[in-house]
Amino acid sequence: MARPRVLLTNDDGIDAVGLHALHDGLRDVADVTVVAPTEDQSGAGRRKSYTVEAHEHERGTALDGTPVDCVAVGRYQTQPAPDLVVAGCNPGPNIGAHKLSQSGTVSAAMEAAFLGIPGIAVSAYDPEVGGLREFDRSDFDEAVRVTRFLVERLHDADWLGPDWYFNVTVPTDRSKDDELRLTRPARGFDRRVVEGDGDRELTFDNRFYDPVVPERDAPAPDPDTDLGACADHVTSVSPLHVGVETIEDERLADAFSGFGDDA
């Protein structure tokens, strides 16, 4: 059986430890091609460029562009085309519905699905301290193990749609009961505006519940969400697709009927 062809990218830059960990861990089970940003592009979302420069790198190709630029270059300049796109591994969680289009890691997997190749976005999460911290190579070991499993399993899946992508968040320690939990993205994000230091300065406070260090009196998250999986110290796998579903409601027809009758 042919080995899966994997395009590997990230949003932290081609020299990031998380990308190197995935590259070294996946090449035993897949043919891996790396196209990743030259510099850190964290939070780039689905921002695209019109012109980019490519540079040779010991890991593959470094691109002076965004994660979604890297996916497009890897998709159309790699022959044969990749079977899967893997983005990561991000040092810190990418959880919540609001993150899907903000994160460069998740957006790379989403872009792959728009281009007809299933994508996997992988992030590592510290279940003890929460939030962000400095990660070393060993912190990605569990994410590598999970990603290898997913790549092998999805490569053989005849049911996998080309417009599917998966947002995966993995604790740095092995999941409780070694569980992969199928989840949906949590909601509840709030972006508040607070006064800054200067007379005209405003600061955005992006509030979202931390499952390890919760806000006072915060309710327990739904265990079927990515947030709830992290709170339970298990790996979250959110299967998503890029199809845009229209809203079907007969009240919409009534609301927009009669336009032009009084012209």
Protein backbone atom coordinates (compact mmCIF):
# COMPACT_ATOMS: atom_id res chain seq x y z
CA MET A 1 0.00 0.00 0.00
CA ALA A 2 1.32 3.43 -0.96
CA ARG A 3 2.47 5.70 1.83
CA PRO A 4 0.41 8.85 2.39
CA ARG A 5 1.82 12.03 0.90
CA VAL A 6 1.71 14.76 3.54
CA LEU A 7 2.21 18.49 3.08
CA LEU A 8 3.42 19.88 6.41
CA THR A 9 3.14 23.56 7.31
CA ASN A 10 2.57 25.76 10.37
CA ASP A 11 2.15 29.36 11.47
CA ASP A 12 5.16 29.59 13.82
CA GLY A 13 7.78 29.49 11.10
CA ILE A 14 9.85 26.78 9.49
CA ASP A 15 12.39 26.75 12.35
CA ALA A 16 9.73 26.10 15.02
CA VAL A 17 10.29 23.10 17.27
CA GLY A 18 6.72 21.87 16.84
CA LEU A 19 7.07 21.58 13.07
CA HIS A 20 10.38 19.75 13.42
CA ALA A 21 8.82 17.30 15.87
CA LEU A 22 5.98 16.50 13.47
CA HIS A 23 8.34 16.24 10.50
CA ASP A 24 10.60 13.74 12.23
CA GLY A 25 7.66 11.80 13.65
CA LEU A 26 5.69 11.55 10.41
CA ARG A 27 8.42 10.66 7.96
CA ASP A 28 8.46 7.06 9.20
CA VAL A 29 4.85 6.61 8.06
CA ALA A 30 4.46 9.17 5.26
CA ASP A 31 6.26 11.01 2.50
CA VAL A 32 6.51 14.50 4.00
CA THR A 33 6.99 17.76 2.09
CA VAL A 34 7.50 20.92 4.13
CA VAL A 35 6.36 24.35 2.95
CA ALA A 36 6.24 26.74 5.90
CA PRO A 37 6.54 30.47 6.58
CA THR A 38 9.99 31.99 6.92
CA GLU A 39 8.92 33.93 10.01
CA ASP A 40 6.31 33.58 12.75
CA GLN A 41 2.82 34.12 11.32
CA SER A 42 0.81 33.33 14.46
CA GLY A 43 -2.69 34.77 14.30
CA ALA A 44 -2.49 35.32 10.53
CA GLY A 45 -5.79 33.54 10.01
CA ARG A 46 -6.66 33.16 6.34
CA ARG A 47 -4.71 36.21 5.21
CA LYS A 48 -3.28 35.72 1.73
CA SER A 49 -0.48 37.34 -0.24
CA TYR A 50 -0.29 38.31 -3.92
CA THR A 51 3.44 37.76 -4.29
CA VAL A 52 5.81 35.67 -2.16
CA GLU A 53 9.44 34.63 -2.28
CA ALA A 54 10.52 31.04 -1.73
CA HIS A 55 13.79 29.96 -0.12
CA GLU A 56 15.45 26.58 0.19
CA HIS A 57 15.66 25.26 3.73
CA GLU A 58 17.08 22.08 5.21
CA ARG A 59 13.51 20.99 6.04
CA GLY A 60 11.98 21.96 2.69
CA THR A 61 10.75 25.32 1.38
CA ALA A 62 10.51 28.51 3.42
CA LEU A 63 8.02 31.01 2.09
CA ASP A 64 7.87 34.74 2.81
CA GLY A 65 4.14 34.47 3.21
CA THR A 66 1.30 33.22 5.35
CA PRO A 67 0.25 29.67 6.25
CA VAL A 68 -2.48 29.64 3.60
CA ASP A 69 0.08 30.80 1.00
CA CYS A 70 2.18 27.80 1.99
CA VAL A 71 -0.74 25.43 1.49
CA ALA A 72 -1.44 26.82 -2.00
CA VAL A 73 2.22 26.53 -3.03
CA GLY A 74 2.47 23.02 -1.64
CA ARG A 75 -0.81 22.01 -3.27
CA TYR A 76 0.07 23.17 -6.78
CA GLN A 77 3.85 22.82 -6.90
CA THR A 78 4.18 19.38 -5.32
CA GLN A 79 3.80 16.49 -7.76
CA PRO A 80 1.99 14.29 -7.20
CA ALA A 81 -0.34 16.40 -5.07
CA PRO A 82 -0.45 15.66 -1.33
CA ASP A 83 -3.09 13.34 0.12
CA LEU A 84 -3.29 15.29 3.39
CA VAL A 85 -2.17 18.62 4.78
CA VAL A 86 -0.93 18.73 8.38
CA ALA A 87 -0.52 22.10 10.11
CA GLY A 88 1.42 22.42 13.37
CA CYS A 89 2.29 21.55 15.88
CA ASN A 90 1.18 24.74 17.62
CA PRO A 91 2.57 25.35 21.15
CA GLY A 92 -0.70 26.17 22.89
CA PRO A 93 -4.39 25.39 22.38
CA ASN A 94 -6.53 26.39 19.42
CA ILE A 95 -10.00 25.78 20.86
CA GLY A 96 -13.36 27.47 20.44
CA ALA A 97 -15.42 28.37 17.38
CA HIS A 98 -13.92 31.87 17.31
CA LYS A 99 -10.44 30.41 16.75
CA LEU A 100 -11.21 28.62 13.52
CA SER A 101 -10.57 31.59 11.25
CA GLN A 102 -8.18 33.46 13.56
CA SER A 103 -5.52 30.81 14.00
CA GLY A 104 -2.93 30.43 11.26
CA THR A 105 -2.61 26.76 12.19
CA VAL A 106 -6.32 26.01 11.82
CA SER A 107 -6.64 28.27 8.78
CA ALA A 108 -3.97 26.26 6.96
CA ALA A 109 -6.00 23.07 7.42
CA MET A 110 -9.15 24.95 6.41
CA GLU A 111 -7.44 26.29 3.29
CA ALA A 112 -6.41 22.77 2.34
CA ALA A 113 -10.04 21.66 2.52
CA PHE A 114 -11.09 24.59 0.32
CA LEU A 115 -8.49 23.38 -2.19
CA GLY A 116 -9.84 19.83 -2.11
CA ILE A 117 -7.38 18.15 0.27
CA PRO A 118 -8.34 17.09 3.81
CA GLY A 119 -6.41 19.00 6.48
CA ILE A 120 -5.37 18.33 10.06
CA ALA A 121 -4.53 21.23 12.42
CA VAL A 122 -2.60 20.05 15.48
CA SER A 123 -2.00 21.98 18.71
CA ALA A 124 -0.43 20.89 21.99
CA TYR A 125 -1.89 21.96 25.32
CA ASP A 126 -0.45 21.80 28.82
CA PRO A 127 -3.15 20.24 31.02
CA GLU A 128 -1.49 21.33 34.26
CA VAL A 129 -0.78 25.04 33.91
CA GLY A 130 -3.09 26.03 31.06
CA GLY A 131 -2.52 29.00 28.78
CA LEU A 132 0.75 29.47 26.96
CA ARG A 133 4.27 28.63 28.07
CA GLU A 134 7.59 27.80 26.48
CA PHE A 135 7.48 24.30 24.96
CA ASP A 136 10.48 22.04 24.42
CA ARG A 137 10.78 19.15 21.97
CA SER A 138 9.46 16.50 24.36
CA ASP A 139 6.25 18.50 24.92
CA PHE A 140 5.19 17.54 21.38
CA ASP A 141 5.69 13.78 21.76
CA GLU A 142 2.04 13.03 22.45
CA ALA A 143 0.85 15.29 19.62
CA VAL A 144 3.20 13.46 17.25
CA ARG A 145 1.79 10.10 18.34
CA VAL A 146 -1.79 11.29 17.79
CA THR A 147 -0.95 12.84 14.41
CA ARG A 148 0.73 9.67 13.15
CA PHE A 149 -2.37 7.69 14.07
CA LEU A 150 -4.69 10.16 12.33
CA VAL A 151 -2.59 10.34 9.17
CA GLU A 152 -2.50 6.56 8.83
CA ARG A 153 -6.19 6.13 9.64
CA LEU A 154 -7.44 8.97 7.41
CA HIS A 155 -5.26 7.98 4.46
CA ASP A 156 -7.16 4.70 4.21
CA ALA A 157 -10.61 6.25 4.76
CA ASP A 158 -12.75 5.99 1.62
CA TRP A 159 -15.46 7.99 3.42
CA LEU A 160 -13.27 11.06 3.93
CA GLY A 161 -14.58 14.12 2.11
CA PRO A 162 -12.10 16.43 0.31
CA ASP A 163 -13.67 19.45 2.02
CA TRP A 164 -13.11 18.08 5.52
CA TYR A 165 -10.58 19.26 8.05
CA PHE A 166 -9.87 18.35 11.66
CA ASN A 167 -8.95 20.65 14.52
CA VAL A 168 -6.95 18.56 17.00
CA THR A 169 -5.84 19.67 20.46
CA VAL A 170 -3.58 17.27 22.36
CA PRO A 171 -2.49 17.44 26.02
CA THR A 172 1.27 17.39 26.46
CA ASP A 173 0.80 14.33 28.70
CA ARG A 174 -1.00 11.23 27.48
CA SER A 175 -4.76 11.66 27.50
CA LYS A 176 -6.74 10.20 30.37
CA ASP A 177 -7.70 6.66 29.33
CA ASP A 178 -5.77 7.34 26.10
CA GLU A 179 -8.93 8.84 24.62
CA LEU A 180 -9.52 10.60 21.33
CA ARG A 181 -12.80 12.45 21.83
CA LEU A 182 -14.83 13.63 18.86
CA THR A 183 -15.93 17.16 19.71
CA ARG A 184 -17.48 20.32 18.35
CA PRO A 185 -15.96 23.81 18.75
CA ALA A 186 -17.10 25.54 21.94
CA ARG A 187 -18.83 28.89 21.87
CA GLY A 188 -19.00 31.60 24.52
CA PHE A 189 -16.18 33.88 23.34
CA ASP A 190 -16.45 37.51 24.45
CA ARG A 191 -14.33 40.43 23.25
CA ARG A 192 -14.58 43.37 25.61
CA VAL A 193 -13.15 46.84 25.22
CA VAL A 194 -11.45 48.34 28.27
CA GLU A 195 -9.74 51.64 28.90
CA GLY A 196 -6.01 51.77 28.22
CA ASP A 197 -3.23 53.84 29.76
CA GLY A 198 -3.66 56.90 27.59
CA ASP A 199 -6.65 59.18 27.07
CA ARG A 200 -7.31 57.71 23.63
CA GLU A 201 -6.03 54.18 24.14
CA LEU A 202 -8.43 51.26 24.19
CA THR A 203 -7.52 47.66 24.94
CA PHE A 204 -9.31 44.53 23.79
CA ASP A 205 -9.84 41.85 26.42
CA ASN A 206 -10.42 38.56 24.62
CA ARG A 207 -12.17 36.51 27.26
CA PHE A 208 -12.50 32.75 26.95
CA TYR A 209 -12.76 30.19 29.68
CA ASP A 210 -9.51 28.36 30.53
CA PRO A 211 -10.37 24.77 31.48
CA VAL A 212 -7.33 24.48 33.73
CA VAL A 213 -7.51 27.87 35.44
CA PRO A 214 -11.23 28.76 35.22
CA GLU A 215 -12.73 32.10 36.02
CA ARG A 216 -14.49 32.27 39.34
CA ASP A 217 -17.95 30.69 39.22
CA ALA A 218 -17.44 29.61 35.61
CA PRO A 219 -19.70 26.67 34.71
CA ALA A 220 -18.14 23.37 33.74
CA PRO A 221 -17.78 23.23 29.95
CA ASP A 222 -19.80 20.84 27.84
CA PRO A 223 -17.71 17.65 27.63
CA ASP A 224 -18.68 17.24 23.97
CA THR A 225 -16.84 20.46 23.05
CA ASP A 226 -13.13 20.95 22.43
CA LEU A 227 -13.05 23.08 25.58
CA GLY A 228 -14.63 20.30 27.62
CA ALA A 229 -12.18 17.73 26.28
CA CYS A 230 -9.26 19.90 27.35
CA ALA A 231 -10.82 20.32 30.78
CA ASP A 232 -10.97 16.53 31.03
CA HIS A 233 -7.33 16.21 29.88
CA VAL A 234 -8.17 14.23 26.77
CA THR A 235 -7.38 14.77 23.12
CA SER A 236 -10.00 16.76 21.22
CA VAL A 237 -10.67 15.97 17.55
CA SER A 238 -13.23 18.30 15.94
CA PRO A 239 -14.26 17.03 12.47
CA LEU A 240 -15.27 20.06 10.39
CA HIS A 241 -15.94 20.95 6.78
CA VAL A 242 -15.80 24.12 4.75
CA GLY A 243 -19.21 23.82 3.14
CA VAL A 244 -21.23 26.99 3.65
CA GLU A 245 -24.68 25.97 4.80
CA THR A 246 -27.49 28.37 3.94
CA ILE A 247 -30.20 29.05 6.50
CA GLU A 248 -33.57 27.59 5.56
CA ASP A 249 -36.44 29.29 7.36
CA GLU A 250 -39.81 30.18 5.84
CA ARG A 251 -39.80 33.42 7.82
CA LEU A 252 -36.93 34.65 5.65
CA ALA A 253 -39.09 34.43 2.53
CA ASP A 254 -41.79 36.46 4.27
CA ALA A 255 -39.27 39.03 5.52
CA PHE A 256 -37.92 39.77 2.04
CA SER A 257 -41.10 39.40 0.01
CA GLY A 258 -42.73 42.36 -1.66
CA PHE A 259 -39.52 44.21 -2.53
CA GLY A 260 -40.19 46.62 -5.38
CA ASP A 261 -43.99 46.45 -5.09
CA ASP A 262 -44.18 50.10 -4.07
CA ALA A 263 -41.61 51.36 -6.60
